[in-house]
């Protein structure tokens, strides 16, 4: 996915899917009930079903991330 400065996902989960995502370029911010963390290139996040979060590009430069889900997503609740 590509993220322009200020773009965010909105708060969401991934239904019954587990997944992993990796920041490839730029910096992304992940917000969860446990807090906020800045994610640099090479950082991976692994999650189970029910993980609620929001991802935002709070930086002034674009960012790129790669996401893989299983089972594949048909919608994002």
N, C-alpha and C. Protein backbone atom coordinates (compact mmCIF):
# COMPACT_ATOMS: atom_id res chain seq x y z
N UNK A 1 0.84 -1.18 0.00
CA UNK A 1 0.00 0.00 0.00
C UNK A 1 0.89 1.24 0.00
N UNK A 2 0.42 2.29 -0.63
CA UNK A 2 1.14 3.57 -0.57
C UNK A 2 0.34 4.52 0.30
N UNK A 3 1.05 5.34 1.06
CA UNK A 3 0.45 6.25 2.03
C UNK A 3 1.00 7.66 1.78
N UNK A 4 0.16 8.59 1.41
CA UNK A 4 0.59 9.98 1.28
C UNK A 4 0.61 10.61 2.67
N UNK A 5 1.36 11.69 2.87
CA UNK A 5 1.39 12.33 4.17
C UNK A 5 -0.03 12.66 4.66
N UNK A 6 -0.31 12.30 5.90
CA UNK A 6 -1.61 12.56 6.50
C UNK A 6 -2.64 11.48 6.27
N UNK A 7 -2.39 10.55 5.37
CA UNK A 7 -3.35 9.49 5.07
C UNK A 7 -3.36 8.45 6.18
N UNK A 8 -4.56 7.94 6.49
CA UNK A 8 -4.69 6.91 7.51
C UNK A 8 -5.74 5.88 7.13
N UNK A 9 -5.72 4.78 7.84
CA UNK A 9 -6.64 3.67 7.57
C UNK A 9 -7.96 3.81 8.29
N UNK A 10 -8.02 4.64 9.32
CA UNK A 10 -9.16 4.61 10.22
C UNK A 10 -9.03 3.39 11.14
N UNK A 11 -9.68 3.45 12.27
CA UNK A 11 -9.62 2.35 13.25
C UNK A 11 -10.37 1.15 12.68
N UNK A 12 -9.74 -0.04 12.70
CA UNK A 12 -10.35 -1.22 12.10
C UNK A 12 -9.71 -2.50 12.64
N UNK A 13 -10.36 -3.62 12.35
CA UNK A 13 -9.73 -4.93 12.55
C UNK A 13 -9.78 -5.67 11.22
N UNK A 14 -9.39 -6.92 11.21
CA UNK A 14 -9.34 -7.69 9.96
C UNK A 14 -10.23 -8.92 10.04
N UNK A 15 -11.32 -8.80 10.82
CA UNK A 15 -12.27 -9.90 10.92
C UNK A 15 -11.59 -11.17 11.37
N UNK A 16 -11.84 -12.29 10.69
CA UNK A 16 -11.28 -13.58 11.10
C UNK A 16 -9.84 -13.81 10.61
N UNK A 17 -9.24 -12.82 9.99
CA UNK A 17 -7.91 -13.01 9.39
C UNK A 17 -6.78 -12.67 10.35
N UNK A 18 -5.71 -13.42 10.24
CA UNK A 18 -4.42 -13.09 10.85
C UNK A 18 -3.59 -12.44 9.76
N UNK A 19 -2.51 -11.79 10.16
CA UNK A 19 -1.70 -11.17 9.12
C UNK A 19 -0.37 -10.67 9.60
N UNK A 20 0.38 -10.16 8.64
CA UNK A 20 1.66 -9.53 8.89
C UNK A 20 1.78 -8.36 7.93
N UNK A 21 2.36 -7.26 8.40
CA UNK A 21 2.64 -6.15 7.49
C UNK A 21 4.02 -5.59 7.82
N UNK A 22 4.63 -5.05 6.79
CA UNK A 22 6.00 -4.56 6.87
C UNK A 22 6.08 -3.17 6.24
N UNK A 23 6.78 -2.27 6.89
CA UNK A 23 7.04 -0.96 6.31
C UNK A 23 8.22 -1.10 5.36
N UNK A 24 8.02 -0.70 4.11
CA UNK A 24 9.08 -0.79 3.10
C UNK A 24 9.81 0.54 2.92
N UNK A 25 9.07 1.64 2.95
CA UNK A 25 9.65 2.98 2.79
C UNK A 25 8.91 3.95 3.69
N UNK A 26 9.62 4.95 4.19
CA UNK A 26 9.00 5.98 5.01
C UNK A 26 8.75 5.49 6.43
N UNK A 27 7.93 6.24 7.15
CA UNK A 27 7.59 5.93 8.53
C UNK A 27 6.08 5.94 8.68
N UNK A 28 5.53 4.91 9.31
CA UNK A 28 4.10 4.85 9.59
C UNK A 28 3.90 4.79 11.09
N UNK A 29 2.77 5.29 11.55
CA UNK A 29 2.40 5.25 12.95
C UNK A 29 1.25 4.28 13.13
N UNK A 30 1.40 3.35 14.08
CA UNK A 30 0.31 2.43 14.41
C UNK A 30 -0.24 2.81 15.77
N UNK A 31 -1.55 2.95 15.85
CA UNK A 31 -2.22 3.27 17.12
C UNK A 31 -3.10 2.08 17.51
N UNK A 32 -2.91 1.59 18.74
CA UNK A 32 -3.72 0.50 19.29
C UNK A 32 -4.16 0.89 20.68
N UNK A 33 -4.94 0.01 21.31
CA UNK A 33 -5.36 0.27 22.69
C UNK A 33 -4.17 0.28 23.64
N UNK A 34 -3.06 -0.30 23.23
CA UNK A 34 -1.85 -0.36 24.07
C UNK A 34 -0.93 0.83 23.88
N UNK A 35 -1.23 1.69 22.91
CA UNK A 35 -0.39 2.85 22.70
C UNK A 35 -0.10 3.12 21.24
N UNK A 36 0.87 3.99 21.02
CA UNK A 36 1.24 4.44 19.68
C UNK A 36 2.71 4.13 19.45
N UNK A 37 3.02 3.67 18.25
CA UNK A 37 4.42 3.41 17.92
C UNK A 37 4.71 3.84 16.50
N UNK A 38 5.90 4.40 16.29
CA UNK A 38 6.37 4.76 14.95
C UNK A 38 7.10 3.56 14.38
N UNK A 39 6.79 3.22 13.13
CA UNK A 39 7.36 2.04 12.49
C UNK A 39 8.22 2.47 11.31
N UNK A 40 9.49 2.11 11.35
CA UNK A 40 10.47 2.46 10.33
C UNK A 40 10.58 1.34 9.30
N UNK A 41 11.24 1.59 8.17
CA UNK A 41 11.44 0.53 7.17
C UNK A 41 12.08 -0.72 7.79
N UNK A 42 11.53 -1.88 7.41
CA UNK A 42 12.01 -3.15 7.94
C UNK A 42 11.24 -3.63 9.15
N UNK A 43 10.46 -2.76 9.77
CA UNK A 43 9.66 -3.16 10.93
C UNK A 43 8.48 -4.00 10.48
N UNK A 44 8.25 -5.10 11.18
CA UNK A 44 7.11 -5.96 10.88
C UNK A 44 6.16 -5.99 12.06
N UNK A 45 4.89 -6.10 11.75
CA UNK A 45 3.85 -6.29 12.78
C UNK A 45 3.07 -7.54 12.40
N UNK A 46 2.93 -8.44 13.35
CA UNK A 46 2.17 -9.68 13.16
C UNK A 46 0.96 -9.60 14.07
N UNK A 47 -0.21 -10.00 13.57
CA UNK A 47 -1.41 -9.90 14.39
C UNK A 47 -2.35 -11.08 14.17
N UNK A 48 -3.16 -11.33 15.19
CA UNK A 48 -4.16 -12.39 15.18
C UNK A 48 -5.54 -11.78 14.92
N UNK A 49 -6.54 -12.61 14.64
CA UNK A 49 -7.89 -12.09 14.48
C UNK A 49 -8.29 -11.26 15.71
N UNK A 50 -9.03 -10.19 15.46
CA UNK A 50 -9.51 -9.34 16.54
C UNK A 50 -8.59 -8.18 16.88
N UNK A 51 -7.41 -8.11 16.29
CA UNK A 51 -6.48 -7.00 16.55
C UNK A 51 -7.06 -5.72 15.95
N UNK A 52 -7.30 -4.72 16.80
CA UNK A 52 -7.87 -3.44 16.36
C UNK A 52 -6.75 -2.41 16.34
N UNK A 53 -6.62 -1.70 15.22
CA UNK A 53 -5.59 -0.68 15.13
C UNK A 53 -5.95 0.36 14.08
N UNK A 54 -5.13 1.39 14.04
CA UNK A 54 -5.19 2.41 13.00
C UNK A 54 -3.77 2.65 12.54
N UNK A 55 -3.58 2.78 11.24
CA UNK A 55 -2.26 3.08 10.68
C UNK A 55 -2.35 4.44 9.99
N UNK A 56 -1.37 5.31 10.27
CA UNK A 56 -1.39 6.67 9.74
C UNK A 56 0.02 7.04 9.29
N UNK A 57 0.10 7.78 8.20
CA UNK A 57 1.36 8.39 7.80
C UNK A 57 1.39 9.79 8.39
N UNK A 58 2.02 9.92 9.56
CA UNK A 58 2.15 11.22 10.23
C UNK A 58 3.35 12.01 9.72
N UNK A 59 4.14 11.41 8.84
CA UNK A 59 5.36 12.05 8.34
C UNK A 59 5.04 13.02 7.20
N UNK A 60 6.06 13.73 6.77
CA UNK A 60 5.92 14.68 5.66
C UNK A 60 6.27 14.07 4.32
N UNK A 61 6.70 12.80 4.31
CA UNK A 61 7.07 12.09 3.09
C UNK A 61 6.14 10.89 2.89
N UNK A 62 5.95 10.45 1.66
CA UNK A 62 5.14 9.25 1.42
C UNK A 62 5.76 8.02 2.08
N UNK A 63 4.92 7.00 2.29
CA UNK A 63 5.38 5.73 2.86
C UNK A 63 4.78 4.58 2.05
N UNK A 64 5.41 3.42 2.14
CA UNK A 64 4.94 2.22 1.45
C UNK A 64 5.00 1.05 2.42
N UNK A 65 3.95 0.23 2.42
CA UNK A 65 3.92 -0.96 3.27
C UNK A 65 3.38 -2.15 2.48
N UNK A 66 3.74 -3.35 2.93
CA UNK A 66 3.29 -4.59 2.31
C UNK A 66 2.48 -5.37 3.35
N UNK A 67 1.28 -5.84 2.98
CA UNK A 67 0.36 -6.52 3.90
C UNK A 67 -0.02 -7.88 3.34
N UNK A 68 -0.02 -8.90 4.22
CA UNK A 68 -0.44 -10.25 3.85
C UNK A 68 -1.42 -10.74 4.91
N UNK A 69 -2.56 -11.30 4.47
CA UNK A 69 -3.60 -11.77 5.38
C UNK A 69 -4.00 -13.20 5.05
N UNK A 70 -4.35 -13.97 6.11
CA UNK A 70 -4.89 -15.31 5.90
C UNK A 70 -5.97 -15.58 6.93
N UNK A 71 -7.14 -15.99 6.51
CA UNK A 71 -7.55 -16.07 5.11
C UNK A 71 -7.59 -14.68 4.48
N UNK A 72 -7.56 -14.65 3.17
CA UNK A 72 -7.57 -13.37 2.45
C UNK A 72 -8.76 -12.51 2.84
N UNK A 73 -8.58 -11.20 2.79
CA UNK A 73 -9.66 -10.27 3.16
C UNK A 73 -10.69 -10.16 2.05
N UNK A 74 -11.94 -10.15 2.44
CA UNK A 74 -13.02 -9.82 1.52
C UNK A 74 -13.64 -8.49 1.89
N UNK A 75 -13.39 -8.05 3.14
CA UNK A 75 -13.83 -6.74 3.62
C UNK A 75 -13.04 -6.42 4.88
N UNK A 76 -13.03 -5.14 5.28
CA UNK A 76 -12.40 -4.74 6.53
C UNK A 76 -13.49 -4.18 7.43
N UNK A 77 -13.83 -4.93 8.49
CA UNK A 77 -14.89 -4.45 9.41
C UNK A 77 -14.50 -3.17 10.11
